[in-house]
Amino acid sequence: MISLVLFAAAGILVGGVVQLVKADATKFSIGMVAVLAALATAGGFAWWPMGEA
């Protein structure tokens, strides 16, 4: 369940990165949101249920 929440958060953050790029935001802010999206994705895979059905 937590993996789905993290993947959803990553999707929202990736959308935020796209909007920041379109809005010509600073590279720092784009980078910070991109790092958070990458961490949420990595966390989603870390909590992915391995072998559980």
C-alpha atoms as a PDB file:
ATOM      1  CA  MET A   1       0.000   0.000   0.000  1.00  0.00           C
ATOM      2  CA  ILE A   2       2.755   2.457   0.870  1.00  0.00           C
ATOM      3  CA  SER A   3       4.446   1.735  -2.458  1.00  0.00           C
ATOM      4  CA  LEU A   4       1.329   2.926  -4.287  1.00  0.00           C
ATOM      5  CA  VAL A   5       1.270   6.108  -2.233  1.00  0.00           C
ATOM      6  CA  LEU A   6       4.925   6.754  -3.017  1.00  0.00           C
ATOM      7  CA  PHE A   7       4.401   6.123  -6.733  1.00  0.00           C
ATOM      8  CA  ALA A   8       1.441   8.519  -6.707  1.00  0.00           C
ATOM      9  CA  ALA A   9       3.555  11.150  -4.968  1.00  0.00           C
ATOM     10  CA  ALA A  10       6.312  10.608  -7.521  1.00  0.00           C
ATOM     11  CA  GLY A  11       3.843  11.139 -10.340  1.00  0.00           C
ATOM     12  CA  ILE A  12       2.635  14.385  -8.817  1.00  0.00           C
ATOM     13  CA  LEU A  13       6.220  15.533  -8.319  1.00  0.00           C
ATOM     14  CA  VAL A  14       7.154  14.705 -11.917  1.00  0.00           C
ATOM     15  CA  GLY A  15       4.200  16.794 -13.024  1.00  0.00           C
ATOM     16  CA  GLY A  16       5.536  19.564 -10.823  1.00  0.00           C
ATOM     17  CA  VAL A  17       8.921  19.334 -12.495  1.00  0.00           C
ATOM     18  CA  VAL A  18       7.287  19.676 -15.906  1.00  0.00           C
ATOM     19  CA  GLN A  19       5.337  22.723 -14.763  1.00  0.00           C
ATOM     20  CA  LEU A  20       8.432  24.300 -13.213  1.00  0.00           C
ATOM     21  CA  VAL A  21      10.348  23.846 -16.459  1.00  0.00           C
ATOM     22  CA  LYS A  22       7.482  25.419 -18.422  1.00  0.00           C
ATOM     23  CA  ALA A  23       7.392  28.341 -15.972  1.00  0.00           C
ATOM     24  CA  ASP A  24      11.161  28.957 -16.334  1.00  0.00           C
ATOM     25  CA  ALA A  25      11.776  28.377 -12.640  1.00  0.00           C
ATOM     26  CA  THR A  26      15.272  28.345 -11.183  1.00  0.00           C
ATOM     27  CA  LYS A  27      17.389  25.276 -11.766  1.00  0.00           C
ATOM     28  CA  PHE A  28      17.670  24.806  -8.012  1.00  0.00           C
ATOM     29  CA  SER A  29      13.917  24.493  -7.520  1.00  0.00           C
ATOM     30  CA  ILE A  30      13.582  22.176 -10.510  1.00  0.00           C
ATOM     31  CA  GLY A  31      16.441  20.063  -9.179  1.00  0.00           C
ATOM     32  CA  MET A  32      14.981  19.836  -5.685  1.00  0.00           C
ATOM     33  CA  VAL A  33      11.585  18.671  -6.926  1.00  0.00           C
ATOM     34  CA  ALA A  34      13.257  16.224  -9.322  1.00  0.00           C
ATOM     35  CA  VAL A  35      15.319  14.769  -6.464  1.00  0.00           C
ATOM     36  CA  LEU A  36      12.181  14.359  -4.359  1.00  0.00           C
ATOM     37  CA  ALA A  37      10.469  12.604  -7.281  1.00  0.00           C
ATOM     38  CA  ALA A  38      13.434  10.259  -7.654  1.00  0.00           C
ATOM     39  CA  LEU A  39      13.427   9.509  -3.915  1.00  0.00           C
ATOM     40  CA  ALA A  40       9.692   8.801  -3.950  1.00  0.00           C
ATOM     41  CA  THR A  41      10.158   6.429  -6.897  1.00  0.00           C
ATOM     42  CA  ALA A  42      13.067   4.673  -5.194  1.00  0.00           C
ATOM     43  CA  GLY A  43      11.024   4.369  -2.004  1.00  0.00           C
ATOM     44  CA  GLY A  44       8.129   2.910  -3.970  1.00  0.00           C
ATOM     45  CA  PHE A  45      10.374   0.226  -5.361  1.00  0.00           C
ATOM     46  CA  ALA A  46      11.935  -0.371  -1.935  1.00  0.00           C
ATOM     47  CA  TRP A  47       8.514  -1.066  -0.401  1.00  0.00           C
ATOM     48  CA  TRP A  48       7.304  -3.077  -3.382  1.00  0.00           C
ATOM     49  CA  PRO A  49       6.004  -6.421  -2.046  1.00  0.00           C
ATOM     50  CA  MET A  50       8.479  -9.041  -3.217  1.00  0.00           C
ATOM     51  CA  GLY A  51       6.851 -12.383  -3.853  1.00  0.00           C
ATOM     52  CA  GLU A  52       3.678 -11.607  -1.935  1.00  0.00           C
ATOM     53  CA  ALA A  53       0.421 -12.444  -3.651  1.00  0.00           C
END
